[in-house]
């Protein structure tokens, strides 16, 4: 990643999967555990055949804002390149929108939230 500004990406779903990482980034990512406070998990059905093929499932998690401030979603933070961030954007279907958030650790990271959020 020399010469590039690394991005922090928080994943709570399929981007944590080794098979998805290899398909999207051509490598396995090294992550650390963190959490996204003020959100909770729900599941949605994906119809994009390429995303289903990469993840092995049509059921994907999606985080939505929670009315309970004690709620938090566990996941992993990965350091990725500009190209890898663009690849992650291409992987995520229209139900998701990339947003910058503050994680429980204080780390600022990109995350894919519900598009209507």
PDB file of N, CA and C in Angstrom:
ATOM      1  N   UNK A   1       0.822  -1.187   0.000  1.00  0.00           N
ATOM      2  CA  UNK A   1       0.000   0.000   0.000  1.00  0.00           C
ATOM      3  C   UNK A   1       0.871   1.257   0.000  1.00  0.00           C
ATOM      4  N   UNK A   2       2.084   1.132  -0.452  1.00  0.00           N
ATOM      5  CA  UNK A   2       2.989   2.268  -0.473  1.00  0.00           C
ATOM      6  C   UNK A   2       2.454   3.357  -1.388  1.00  0.00           C
ATOM      7  N   UNK A   3       2.579   4.595  -0.941  1.00  0.00           N
ATOM      8  CA  UNK A   3       2.154   5.720  -1.749  1.00  0.00           C
ATOM      9  C   UNK A   3       0.659   5.981  -1.726  1.00  0.00           C
ATOM     10  N   UNK A   4      -0.075   5.236  -0.947  1.00  0.00           N
ATOM     11  CA  UNK A   4      -1.515   5.429  -0.868  1.00  0.00           C
ATOM     12  C   UNK A   4      -1.910   5.757   0.561  1.00  0.00           C
ATOM     13  N   UNK A   5      -2.969   6.541   0.676  1.00  0.00           N
ATOM     14  CA  UNK A   5      -3.536   6.805   1.990  1.00  0.00           C
ATOM     15  C   UNK A   5      -4.434   5.624   2.322  1.00  0.00           C
ATOM     16  N   UNK A   6      -4.144   4.893   3.397  1.00  0.00           N
ATOM     17  CA  UNK A   6      -5.000   3.753   3.730  1.00  0.00           C
ATOM     18  C   UNK A   6      -6.349   4.217   4.261  1.00  0.00           C
ATOM     19  N   UNK A   7      -7.340   3.411   4.019  1.00  0.00           N
ATOM     20  CA  UNK A   7      -8.684   3.650   4.530  1.00  0.00           C
ATOM     21  C   UNK A   7      -8.986   2.612   5.600  1.00  0.00           C
ATOM     22  N   UNK A   8      -9.733   3.013   6.609  1.00  0.00           N
ATOM     23  CA  UNK A   8     -10.233   2.095   7.624  1.00  0.00           C
ATOM     24  C   UNK A   8     -11.649   1.702   7.194  1.00  0.00           C
ATOM     25  N   UNK A   9     -11.906   0.410   7.093  1.00  0.00           N
ATOM     26  CA  UNK A   9     -13.219  -0.094   6.706  1.00  0.00           C
ATOM     27  C   UNK A   9     -13.729  -1.023   7.797  1.00  0.00           C
ATOM     28  N   UNK A  10     -14.910  -0.714   8.329  1.00  0.00           N
ATOM     29  CA  UNK A  10     -15.539  -1.562   9.342  1.00  0.00           C
ATOM     30  C   UNK A  10     -16.511  -2.492   8.646  1.00  0.00           C
ATOM     31  N   UNK A  11     -16.356  -3.784   8.885  1.00  0.00           N
ATOM     32  CA  UNK A  11     -17.260  -4.779   8.317  1.00  0.00           C
ATOM     33  C   UNK A  11     -17.915  -5.579   9.420  1.00  0.00           C
ATOM     34  N   UNK A  12     -19.213  -5.757   9.288  1.00  0.00           N
ATOM     35  CA  UNK A  12     -20.004  -6.570  10.212  1.00  0.00           C
ATOM     36  C   UNK A  12     -20.608  -7.755   9.482  1.00  0.00           C
ATOM     37  N   UNK A  13     -20.291  -7.895   8.191  1.00  0.00           N
ATOM     38  CA  UNK A  13     -20.949  -8.916   7.384  1.00  0.00           C
ATOM     39  C   UNK A  13     -19.998  -9.655   6.475  1.00  0.00           C
ATOM     40  N   UNK A  14     -20.405  -9.809   5.218  1.00  0.00           N
ATOM     41  CA  UNK A  14     -19.714 -10.708   4.297  1.00  0.00           C
ATOM     42  C   UNK A  14     -18.312 -10.243   3.916  1.00  0.00           C
ATOM     43  N   UNK A  15     -17.983  -8.967   4.075  1.00  0.00           N
ATOM     44  CA  UNK A  15     -16.613  -8.527   3.772  1.00  0.00           C
ATOM     45  C   UNK A  15     -15.606  -9.083   4.783  1.00  0.00           C
ATOM     46  N   UNK A  16     -16.089  -9.718   5.863  1.00  0.00           N
ATOM     47  CA  UNK A  16     -15.198 -10.406   6.802  1.00  0.00           C
ATOM     48  C   UNK A  16     -14.852 -11.811   6.306  1.00  0.00           C
ATOM     49  N   UNK A  17     -15.584 -12.305   5.315  1.00  0.00           N
ATOM     50  CA  UNK A  17     -15.410 -13.670   4.823  1.00  0.00           C
ATOM     51  C   UNK A  17     -14.154 -13.790   3.963  1.00  0.00           C
ATOM     52  N   UNK A  18     -13.308 -14.790   4.248  1.00  0.00           N
ATOM     53  CA  UNK A  18     -12.112 -14.979   3.417  1.00  0.00           C
ATOM     54  C   UNK A  18     -12.441 -15.148   1.932  1.00  0.00           C
ATOM     55  N   UNK A  19     -13.519 -15.863   1.605  1.00  0.00           N
ATOM     56  CA  UNK A  19     -13.844 -16.074   0.187  1.00  0.00           C
ATOM     57  C   UNK A  19     -14.225 -14.761  -0.497  1.00  0.00           C
ATOM     58  N   UNK A  20     -14.918 -13.877   0.214  1.00  0.00           N
ATOM     59  CA  UNK A  20     -15.287 -12.573  -0.347  1.00  0.00           C
ATOM     60  C   UNK A  20     -14.047 -11.689  -0.472  1.00  0.00           C
ATOM     61  N   UNK A  21     -13.182 -11.701   0.541  1.00  0.00           N
ATOM     62  CA  UNK A  21     -11.954 -10.901   0.483  1.00  0.00           C
ATOM     63  C   UNK A  21     -11.084 -11.318  -0.707  1.00  0.00           C
ATOM     64  N   UNK A  22     -10.920 -12.610  -0.904  1.00  0.00           N
ATOM     65  CA  UNK A  22     -10.108 -13.079  -2.029  1.00  0.00           C
ATOM     66  C   UNK A  22     -10.746 -12.687  -3.360  1.00  0.00           C
ATOM     67  N   UNK A  23     -12.075 -12.793  -3.455  1.00  0.00           N
ATOM     68  CA  UNK A  23     -12.770 -12.453  -4.699  1.00  0.00           C
ATOM     69  C   UNK A  23     -12.702 -10.952  -4.982  1.00  0.00           C
ATOM     70  N   UNK A  24     -12.832 -10.113  -3.957  1.00  0.00           N
ATOM     71  CA  UNK A  24     -12.899  -8.662  -4.154  1.00  0.00           C
ATOM     72  C   UNK A  24     -11.523  -8.001  -4.149  1.00  0.00           C
ATOM     73  N   UNK A  25     -10.625  -8.459  -3.275  1.00  0.00           N
ATOM     74  CA  UNK A  25      -9.357  -7.760  -3.056  1.00  0.00           C
ATOM     75  C   UNK A  25      -8.134  -8.560  -3.502  1.00  0.00           C
ATOM     76  N   UNK A  26      -8.317  -9.838  -3.780  1.00  0.00           N
ATOM     77  CA  UNK A  26      -7.198 -10.676  -4.192  1.00  0.00           C
ATOM     78  C   UNK A  26      -6.244 -11.007  -3.056  1.00  0.00           C
ATOM     79  N   UNK A  27      -6.670 -10.764  -1.831  1.00  0.00           N
ATOM     80  CA  UNK A  27      -5.831 -11.066  -0.657  1.00  0.00           C
ATOM     81  C   UNK A  27      -6.743 -11.185   0.562  1.00  0.00           C
ATOM     82  N   UNK A  28      -6.196 -11.783   1.621  1.00  0.00           N
ATOM     83  CA  UNK A  28      -6.906 -11.833   2.898  1.00  0.00           C
ATOM     84  C   UNK A  28      -6.534 -10.589   3.694  1.00  0.00           C
ATOM     85  N   UNK A  29      -7.517  -9.946   4.274  1.00  0.00           N
ATOM     86  CA  UNK A  29      -7.294  -8.734   5.058  1.00  0.00           C
ATOM     87  C   UNK A  29      -6.999  -9.087   6.510  1.00  0.00           C
ATOM     88  N   UNK A  30      -6.153  -8.287   7.118  1.00  0.00           N
ATOM     89  CA  UNK A  30      -5.869  -8.433   8.544  1.00  0.00           C
ATOM     90  C   UNK A  30      -6.731  -7.421   9.276  1.00  0.00           C
ATOM     91  N   UNK A  31      -7.599  -7.893  10.159  1.00  0.00           N
ATOM     92  CA  UNK A  31      -8.513  -6.987  10.852  1.00  0.00           C
ATOM     93  C   UNK A  31      -8.347  -7.032  12.345  1.00  0.00           C
ATOM     94  N   UNK A  32      -8.994  -6.074  12.996  1.00  0.00           N
ATOM     95  CA  UNK A  32      -9.059  -6.059  14.459  1.00  0.00           C
ATOM     96  C   UNK A  32     -10.515  -5.857  14.852  1.00  0.00           C
ATOM     97  N   UNK A  33     -10.900  -6.424  15.968  1.00  0.00           N
ATOM     98  CA  UNK A  33     -12.279  -6.350  16.438  1.00  0.00           C
ATOM     99  C   UNK A  33     -12.616  -4.931  16.911  1.00  0.00           C
ATOM    100  N   UNK A  34     -13.844  -4.531  16.634  1.00  0.00           N
ATOM    101  CA  UNK A  34     -14.352  -3.246  17.092  1.00  0.00           C
ATOM    102  C   UNK A  34     -15.874  -3.362  17.079  1.00  0.00           C
ATOM    103  N   UNK A  35     -16.559  -2.262  17.340  1.00  0.00           N
ATOM    104  CA  UNK A  35     -18.023  -2.279  17.339  1.00  0.00           C
ATOM    105  C   UNK A  35     -18.544  -0.927  16.885  1.00  0.00           C
ATOM    106  N   UNK A  36     -19.759  -0.956  16.333  1.00  0.00           N
ATOM    107  CA  UNK A  36     -20.444   0.248  15.864  1.00  0.00           C
ATOM    108  C   UNK A  36     -21.586   0.550  16.833  1.00  0.00           C
ATOM    109  N   UNK A  37     -21.400   1.543  17.722  1.00  0.00           N
ATOM    110  CA  UNK A  37     -22.437   1.828  18.721  1.00  0.00           C
ATOM    111  C   UNK A  37     -23.648   2.531  18.110  1.00  0.00           C
ATOM    112  N   UNK A  38     -24.819   2.275  18.730  1.00  0.00           N
ATOM    113  CA  UNK A  38     -26.041   2.947  18.314  1.00  0.00           C
ATOM    114  C   UNK A  38     -26.728   2.326  17.114  1.00  0.00           C
ATOM    115  N   UNK A  39     -26.312   1.115  16.746  1.00  0.00           N
ATOM    116  CA  UNK A  39     -26.896   0.411  15.603  1.00  0.00           C
ATOM    117  C   UNK A  39     -27.252  -1.010  16.004  1.00  0.00           C
ATOM    118  N   UNK A  40     -28.102  -1.643  15.185  1.00  0.00           N
ATOM    119  CA  UNK A  40     -28.438  -3.054  15.377  1.00  0.00           C
ATOM    120  C   UNK A  40     -28.489  -3.731  14.010  1.00  0.00           C
ATOM    121  N   UNK A  41     -28.378  -5.064  14.036  1.00  0.00           N
ATOM    122  CA  UNK A  41     -28.366  -5.858  12.798  1.00  0.00           C
ATOM    123  C   UNK A  41     -29.765  -6.264  12.376  1.00  0.00           C
ATOM    124  N   UNK A  42     -29.982  -6.283  11.072  1.00  0.00           N
ATOM    125  CA  UNK A  42     -31.148  -6.896  10.465  1.00  0.00           C
ATOM    126  C   UNK A  42     -30.621  -7.691   9.271  1.00  0.00           C
ATOM    127  N   UNK A  43     -31.467  -8.455   8.628  1.00  0.00           N
ATOM    128  CA  UNK A  43     -31.051  -9.231   7.459  1.00  0.00           C
ATOM    129  C   UNK A  43     -31.883  -8.799   6.257  1.00  0.00           C
ATOM    130  N   UNK A  44     -31.240  -8.817   5.071  1.00  0.00           N
ATOM    131  CA  UNK A  44     -31.955  -8.528   3.833  1.00  0.00           C
ATOM    132  C   UNK A  44     -31.635  -9.619   2.822  1.00  0.00           C
ATOM    133  N   UNK A  45     -32.472  -9.712   1.798  1.00  0.00           N
ATOM    134  CA  UNK A  45     -32.241 -10.670   0.723  1.00  0.00           C
ATOM    135  C   UNK A  45     -31.594  -9.939  -0.449  1.00  0.00           C
ATOM    136  N   UNK A  46     -30.476 -10.489  -0.921  1.00  0.00           N
ATOM    137  CA  UNK A  46     -29.720  -9.938  -2.042  1.00  0.00           C
ATOM    138  C   UNK A  46     -30.148 -10.673  -3.312  1.00  0.00           C
ATOM    139  N   UNK A  47     -30.270  -9.942  -4.417  1.00  0.00           N
ATOM    140  CA  UNK A  47     -30.645 -10.579  -5.685  1.00  0.00           C
ATOM    141  C   UNK A  47     -29.533 -10.526  -6.726  1.00  0.00           C
ATOM    142  N   UNK A  48     -28.458  -9.786  -6.470  1.00  0.00           N
ATOM    143  CA  UNK A  48     -27.357  -9.660  -7.426  1.00  0.00           C
ATOM    144  C   UNK A  48     -26.599 -10.986  -7.505  1.00  0.00           C
ATOM    145  N   UNK A  49     -26.623 -11.650  -8.680  1.00  0.00           N
ATOM    146  CA  UNK A  49     -25.995 -12.978  -8.780  1.00  0.00           C
ATOM    147  C   UNK A  49     -24.492 -12.977  -8.506  1.00  0.00           C
ATOM    148  N   UNK A  50     -23.783 -11.903  -8.851  1.00  0.00           N
ATOM    149  CA  UNK A  50     -22.336 -11.838  -8.612  1.00  0.00           C
ATOM    150  C   UNK A  50     -22.040 -11.764  -7.104  1.00  0.00           C
ATOM    151  N   UNK A  51     -22.838 -11.001  -6.380  1.00  0.00           N
ATOM    152  CA  UNK A  51     -22.661 -10.876  -4.929  1.00  0.00           C
ATOM    153  C   UNK A  51     -23.018 -12.200  -4.247  1.00  0.00           C
ATOM    154  N   UNK A  52     -24.080 -12.837  -4.697  1.00  0.00           N
ATOM    155  CA  UNK A  52     -24.467 -14.139  -4.137  1.00  0.00           C
ATOM    156  C   UNK A  52     -23.369 -15.166  -4.395  1.00  0.00           C
ATOM    157  N   UNK A  53     -22.800 -15.162  -5.602  1.00  0.00           N
ATOM    158  CA  UNK A  53     -21.726 -16.103  -5.937  1.00  0.00           C
ATOM    159  C   UNK A  53     -20.499 -15.873  -5.053  1.00  0.00           C
ATOM    160  N   UNK A  54     -20.146 -14.618  -4.818  1.00  0.00           N
ATOM    161  CA  UNK A  54     -18.962 -14.314  -4.009  1.00  0.00           C
ATOM    162  C   UNK A  54     -19.174 -14.673  -2.542  1.00  0.00           C
ATOM    163  N   UNK A  55     -20.379 -14.397  -2.033  1.00  0.00           N
ATOM    164  CA  UNK A  55     -20.628 -14.607  -0.601  1.00  0.00           C
ATOM    165  C   UNK A  55     -21.163 -15.994  -0.277  1.00  0.00           C
ATOM    166  N   UNK A  56     -21.761 -16.649  -1.275  1.00  0.00           N
ATOM    167  CA  UNK A  56     -22.326 -17.972  -1.053  1.00  0.00           C
ATOM    168  C   UNK A  56     -23.715 -17.950  -0.438  1.00  0.00           C
ATOM    169  N   UNK A  57     -24.335 -16.764  -0.349  1.00  0.00           N
ATOM    170  CA  UNK A  57     -25.663 -16.669   0.240  1.00  0.00           C
ATOM    171  C   UNK A  57     -26.412 -15.456  -0.309  1.00  0.00           C
ATOM    172  N   UNK A  58     -27.737 -15.536  -0.292  1.00  0.00           N
ATOM    173  CA  UNK A  58     -28.547 -14.380  -0.689  1.00  0.00           C
ATOM    174  C   UNK A  58     -29.062 -13.616   0.531  1.00  0.00           C
ATOM    175  N   UNK A  59     -28.687 -14.062   1.734  1.00  0.00           N
ATOM    176  CA  UNK A  59     -29.079 -13.379   2.972  1.00  0.00           C
ATOM    177  C   UNK A  59     -27.858 -12.646   3.520  1.00  0.00           C
ATOM    178  N   UNK A  60     -27.956 -11.316   3.584  1.00  0.00           N
ATOM    179  CA  UNK A  60     -26.833 -10.507   4.052  1.00  0.00           C
ATOM    180  C   UNK A  60     -27.271  -9.632   5.216  1.00  0.00           C
ATOM    181  N   UNK A  61     -26.362  -9.422   6.189  1.00  0.00           N
ATOM    182  CA  UNK A  61     -26.695  -8.518   7.284  1.00  0.00           C
ATOM    183  C   UNK A  61     -26.667  -7.065   6.824  1.00  0.00           C
ATOM    184  N   UNK A  62     -27.463  -6.249   7.500  1.00  0.00           N
ATOM    185  CA  UNK A  62     -27.508  -4.814   7.246  1.00  0.00           C
ATOM    186  C   UNK A  62     -27.684  -4.143   8.605  1.00  0.00           C
ATOM    187  N   UNK A  63     -26.940  -3.063   8.859  1.00  0.00           N
ATOM    188  CA  UNK A  63     -27.108  -2.354  10.124  1.00  0.00           C
ATOM    189  C   UNK A  63     -28.029  -1.167   9.926  1.00  0.00           C
ATOM    190  N   UNK A  64     -28.861  -0.958  10.935  1.00  0.00           N
ATOM    191  CA  UNK A  64     -29.771   0.177  10.949  1.00  0.00           C
ATOM    192  C   UNK A  64     -29.642   0.866  12.300  1.00  0.00           C
ATOM    193  N   UNK A  65     -29.941   2.157  12.330  1.00  0.00           N
ATOM    194  CA  UNK A  65     -29.883   2.911  13.581  1.00  0.00           C
ATOM    195  C   UNK A  65     -30.831   2.280  14.587  1.00  0.00           C
ATOM    196  N   UNK A  66     -30.401   2.246  15.831  1.00  0.00           N
ATOM    197  CA  UNK A  66     -31.207   1.662  16.895  1.00  0.00           C
ATOM    198  C   UNK A  66     -31.724   2.760  17.821  1.00  0.00           C
ATOM    199  N   UNK A  67     -32.965   2.629  18.284  1.00  0.00           N
ATOM    200  CA  UNK A  67     -33.459   3.595  19.269  1.00  0.00           C
ATOM    201  C   UNK A  67     -32.806   3.412  20.637  1.00  0.00           C
ATOM    202  N   UNK A  68     -32.156   2.272  20.844  1.00  0.00           N
ATOM    203  CA  UNK A  68     -31.491   1.976  22.113  1.00  0.00           C
ATOM    204  C   UNK A  68     -30.002   2.322  21.994  1.00  0.00           C
ATOM    205  N   UNK A  69     -29.547   3.376  22.665  1.00  0.00           N
ATOM    206  CA  UNK A  69     -28.141   3.769  22.540  1.00  0.00           C
ATOM    207  C   UNK A  69     -27.164   2.722  23.066  1.00  0.00           C
ATOM    208  N   UNK A  70     -27.657   1.751  23.837  1.00  0.00           N
ATOM    209  CA  UNK A  70     -26.792   0.688  24.343  1.00  0.00           C
ATOM    210  C   UNK A  70     -26.510  -0.369  23.277  1.00  0.00           C
ATOM    211  N   UNK A  71     -27.276  -0.381  22.192  1.00  0.00           N
ATOM    212  CA  UNK A  71     -27.041  -1.352  21.116  1.00  0.00           C
ATOM    213  C   UNK A  71     -25.717  -1.066  20.417  1.00  0.00           C
ATOM    214  N   UNK A  72     -25.080  -2.114  19.942  1.00  0.00           N
ATOM    215  CA  UNK A  72     -23.850  -1.992  19.165  1.00  0.00           C
ATOM    216  C   UNK A  72     -23.726  -3.231  18.288  1.00  0.00           C
ATOM    217  N   UNK A  73     -23.084  -3.050  17.151  1.00  0.00           N
ATOM    218  CA  UNK A  73     -22.860  -4.143  16.211  1.00  0.00           C
ATOM    219  C   UNK A  73     -21.375  -4.469  16.202  1.00  0.00           C
ATOM    220  N   UNK A  74     -21.040  -5.726  16.478  1.00  0.00           N
ATOM    221  CA  UNK A  74     -19.645  -6.167  16.479  1.00  0.00           C
ATOM    222  C   UNK A  74     -19.179  -6.419  15.050  1.00  0.00           C
ATOM    223  N   UNK A  75     -17.883  -6.223  14.828  1.00  0.00           N
ATOM    224  CA  UNK A  75     -17.310  -6.483  13.515  1.00  0.00           C
ATOM    225  C   UNK A  75     -15.812  -6.327  13.548  1.00  0.00           C
ATOM    226  N   UNK A  76     -15.248  -6.136  12.360  1.00  0.00           N
ATOM    227  CA  UNK A  76     -13.800  -6.014  12.204  1.00  0.00           C
ATOM    228  C   UNK A  76     -13.455  -4.752  11.430  1.00  0.00           C
ATOM    229  N   UNK A  77     -12.314  -4.155  11.786  1.00  0.00           N
ATOM    230  CA  UNK A  77     -11.786  -2.999  11.064  1.00  0.00           C
ATOM    231  C   UNK A  77     -10.610  -3.483  10.227  1.00  0.00           C
ATOM    232  N   UNK A  78     -10.651  -3.138   8.942  1.00  0.00           N
ATOM    233  CA  UNK A  78      -9.592  -3.512   8.007  1.00  0.00           C
ATOM    234  C   UNK A  78      -8.966  -2.253   7.423  1.00  0.00           C
ATOM    235  N   UNK A  79      -7.657  -2.298   7.180  1.00  0.00           N
ATOM    236  CA  UNK A  79      -6.976  -1.218   6.474  1.00  0.00           C
ATOM    237  C   UNK A  79      -6.892  -1.620   5.012  1.00  0.00           C
ATOM    238  N   UNK A  80      -7.465  -0.784   4.139  1.00  0.00           N
ATOM    239  CA  UNK A  80      -7.522  -1.112   2.712  1.00  0.00           C
ATOM    240  C   UNK A  80      -7.053   0.074   1.870  1.00  0.00           C
ATOM    241  N   UNK A  81      -6.748  -0.209   0.609  1.00  0.00           N
ATOM    242  CA  UNK A  81      -6.263   0.807  -0.324  1.00  0.00           C
ATOM    243  C   UNK A  81      -7.438   1.509  -1.015  1.00  0.00           C
ATOM    244  N   UNK A  82      -7.111   2.568  -1.764  1.00  0.00           N
ATOM    245  CA  UNK A  82      -8.123   3.264  -2.576  1.00  0.00           C
ATOM    246  C   UNK A  82      -8.821   2.281  -3.525  1.00  0.00           C
ATOM    247  N   UNK A  83      -8.022   1.437  -4.192  1.00  0.00           N
ATOM    248  CA  UNK A  83      -8.582   0.479  -5.147  1.00  0.00           C
ATOM    249  C   UNK A  83      -9.477  -0.535  -4.456  1.00  0.00           C
ATOM    250  N   UNK A  84      -9.075  -0.979  -3.277  1.00  0.00           N
ATOM    251  CA  UNK A  84      -9.886  -1.938  -2.526  1.00  0.00           C
ATOM    252  C   UNK A  84     -11.187  -1.307  -2.036  1.00  0.00           C
ATOM    253  N   UNK A  85     -11.138  -0.030  -1.657  1.00  0.00           N
ATOM    254  CA  UNK A  85     -12.362   0.658  -1.259  1.00  0.00           C
ATOM    255  C   UNK A  85     -13.317   0.766  -2.446  1.00  0.00           C
ATOM    256  N   UNK A  86     -12.789   1.079  -3.622  1.00  0.00           N
ATOM    257  CA  UNK A  86     -13.620   1.133  -4.828  1.00  0.00           C
ATOM    258  C   UNK A  86     -14.214  -0.243  -5.131  1.00  0.00           C
ATOM    259  N   UNK A  87     -13.445  -1.300  -4.919  1.00  0.00           N
ATOM    260  CA  UNK A  87     -13.933  -2.656  -5.138  1.00  0.00           C
ATOM    261  C   UNK A  87     -15.029  -3.017  -4.136  1.00  0.00           C
ATOM    262  N   UNK A  88     -14.871  -2.585  -2.887  1.00  0.00           N
ATOM    263  CA  UNK A  88     -15.910  -2.815  -1.882  1.00  0.00           C
ATOM    264  C   UNK A  88     -17.182  -2.059  -2.256  1.00  0.00           C
ATOM    265  N   UNK A  89     -17.032  -0.824  -2.745  1.00  0.00           N
ATOM    266  CA  UNK A  89     -18.197  -0.049  -3.194  1.00  0.00           C
ATOM    267  C   UNK A  89     -18.935  -0.789  -4.306  1.00  0.00           C
ATOM    268  N   UNK A  90     -18.175  -1.363  -5.242  1.00  0.00           N
ATOM    269  CA  UNK A  90     -18.789  -2.081  -6.373  1.00  0.00           C
ATOM    270  C   UNK A  90     -19.492  -3.355  -5.905  1.00  0.00           C
ATOM    271  N   UNK A  91     -18.983  -3.974  -4.845  1.00  0.00           N
ATOM    272  CA  UNK A  91     -19.552  -5.215  -4.315  1.00  0.00           C
ATOM    273  C   UNK A  91     -20.886  -4.963  -3.624  1.00  0.00           C
ATOM    274  N   UNK A  92     -20.984  -3.865  -2.883  1.00  0.00           N
ATOM    275  CA  UNK A  92     -22.187  -3.603  -2.095  1.00  0.00           C
ATOM    276  C   UNK A  92     -23.337  -3.174  -3.016  1.00  0.00           C
ATOM    277  N   UNK A  93     -24.494  -3.806  -2.837  1.00  0.00           N
ATOM    278  CA  UNK A  93     -25.659  -3.515  -3.675  1.00  0.00           C
ATOM    279  C   UNK A  93     -26.331  -2.214  -3.217  1.00  0.00           C
ATOM    280  N   UNK A  94     -27.361  -1.796  -3.942  1.00  0.00           N
ATOM    281  CA  UNK A  94     -28.007  -0.499  -3.705  1.00  0.00           C
ATOM    282  C   UNK A  94     -28.661  -0.361  -2.336  1.00  0.00           C
ATOM    283  N   UNK A  95     -28.842  -1.472  -1.613  1.00  0.00           N
ATOM    284  CA  UNK A  95     -29.419  -1.403  -0.269  1.00  0.00           C
ATOM    285  C   UNK A  95     -28.453  -0.762   0.725  1.00  0.00           C
ATOM    286  N   UNK A  96     -27.183  -0.665   0.337  1.00  0.00           N
ATOM    287  CA  UNK A  96     -26.129  -0.163   1.216  1.00  0.00           C
ATOM    288  C   UNK A  96     -25.589   1.171   0.705  1.00  0.00           C
ATOM    289  N   UNK A  97     -25.191   2.034   1.635  1.00  0.00           N
ATOM    290  CA  UNK A  97     -24.519   3.286   1.307  1.00  0.00           C
ATOM    291  C   UNK A  97     -23.332   3.443   2.249  1.00  0.00           C
ATOM    292  N   UNK A  98     -22.173   3.822   1.682  1.00  0.00           N
ATOM    293  CA  UNK A  98     -20.966   3.987   2.506  1.00  0.00           C
ATOM    294  C   UNK A  98     -21.040   5.295   3.277  1.00  0.00           C
ATOM    295  N   UNK A  99     -20.767   5.211   4.583  1.00  0.00           N
ATOM    296  CA  UNK A  99     -20.765   6.384   5.465  1.00  0.00           C
ATOM    297  C   UNK A  99     -19.550   6.305   6.371  1.00  0.00           C
ATOM    298  N   UNK A 100     -19.096   7.459   6.830  1.00  0.00           N
ATOM    299  CA  UNK A 100     -18.007   7.486   7.799  1.00  0.00           C
ATOM    300  C   UNK A 100     -18.616   7.545   9.197  1.00  0.00           C
ATOM    301  N   UNK A 101     -18.087   6.729  10.095  1.00  0.00           N
ATOM    302  CA  UNK A 101     -18.613   6.630  11.452  1.00  0.00           C
ATOM    303  C   UNK A 101     -17.464   6.627  12.460  1.00  0.00           C
ATOM    304  N   UNK A 102     -17.823   6.837  13.721  1.00  0.00           N
ATOM    305  CA  UNK A 102     -16.881   6.669  14.834  1.00  0.00           C
ATOM    306  C   UNK A 102     -17.224   5.348  15.509  1.00  0.00           C
ATOM    307  N   UNK A 103     -16.235   4.473  15.614  1.00  0.00           N
ATOM    308  CA  UNK A 103     -16.432   3.165  16.235  1.00  0.00           C
ATOM    309  C   UNK A 103     -16.244   3.259  17.749  1.00  0.00           C
ATOM    310  N   UNK A 104     -16.551   2.181  18.437  1.00  0.00           N
ATOM    311  CA  UNK A 104     -16.445   2.147  19.901  1.00  0.00           C
ATOM    312  C   UNK A 104     -15.029   2.487  20.370  1.00  0.00           C
ATOM    313  N   UNK A 105     -14.024   2.106  19.583  1.00  0.00           N
ATOM    314  CA  UNK A 105     -12.625   2.366  19.938  1.00  0.00           C
ATOM    315  C   UNK A 105     -12.226   3.817  19.719  1.00  0.00           C
ATOM    316  N   UNK A 106     -13.077   4.591  19.018  1.00  0.00           N
ATOM    317  CA  UNK A 106     -12.726   5.957  18.643  1.00  0.00           C
ATOM    318  C   UNK A 106     -12.193   6.048  17.226  1.00  0.00           C
ATOM    319  N   UNK A 107     -11.906   4.903  16.605  1.00  0.00           N
ATOM    320  CA  UNK A 107     -11.438   4.873  15.220  1.00  0.00           C
ATOM    321  C   UNK A 107     -12.520   5.419  14.296  1.00  0.00           C
ATOM    322  N   UNK A 108     -12.127   6.259  13.337  1.00  0.00           N
ATOM    323  CA  UNK A 108     -13.050   6.705  12.287  1.00  0.00           C
ATOM    324  C   UNK A 108     -12.876   5.744  11.126  1.00  0.00           C
ATOM    325  N   UNK A 109     -13.991   5.241  10.622  1.00  0.00           N
ATOM    326  CA  UNK A 109     -13.926   4.222   9.572  1.00  0.00           C
ATOM    327  C   UNK A 109     -15.119   4.362   8.642  1.00  0.00           C
ATOM    328  N   UNK A 110     -14.945   3.838   7.431  1.00  0.00           N
ATOM    329  CA  UNK A 110     -16.061   3.688   6.501  1.00  0.00           C
ATOM    330  C   UNK A 110     -16.856   2.454   6.908  1.00  0.00           C
ATOM    331  N   UNK A 111     -18.165   2.514   6.699  1.00  0.00           N
ATOM    332  CA  UNK A 111     -19.041   1.366   6.935  1.00  0.00           C
ATOM    333  C   UNK A 111     -20.189   1.459   5.942  1.00  0.00           C
ATOM    334  N   UNK A 112     -20.742   0.317   5.588  1.00  0.00           N
ATOM    335  CA  UNK A 112     -21.915   0.279   4.698  1.00  0.00           C
ATOM    336  C   UNK A 112     -23.168   0.153   5.554  1.00  0.00           C
ATOM    337  N   UNK A 113     -23.958   1.248   5.564  1.00  0.00           N
ATOM    338  CA  UNK A 113     -25.202   1.316   6.323  1.00  0.00           C
ATOM    339  C   UNK A 113     -26.374   1.153   5.374  1.00  0.00           C
ATOM    340  N   UNK A 114     -27.572   1.014   5.935  1.00  0.00           N
ATOM    341  CA  UNK A 114     -28.778   0.966   5.120  1.00  0.00           C
ATOM    342  C   UNK A 114     -28.851   2.238   4.275  1.00  0.00           C
ATOM    343  N   UNK A 115     -29.112   2.099   2.992  1.00  0.00           N
ATOM    344  CA  UNK A 115     -29.086   3.243   2.068  1.00  0.00           C
ATOM    345  C   UNK A 115     -30.061   4.340   2.472  1.00  0.00           C
ATOM    346  N   UNK A 116     -31.178   3.978   3.075  1.00  0.00           N
ATOM    347  CA  UNK A 116     -32.155   4.988   3.474  1.00  0.00           C
ATOM    348  C   UNK A 116     -31.793   5.681   4.782  1.00  0.00           C
ATOM    349  N   UNK A 117     -30.702   5.238   5.425  1.00  0.00           N
ATOM    350  CA  UNK A 117     -30.308   5.816   6.722  1.00  0.00           C
ATOM    351  C   UNK A 117     -29.760   7.232   6.543  1.00  0.00           C
TER     352      UNK A 117
END
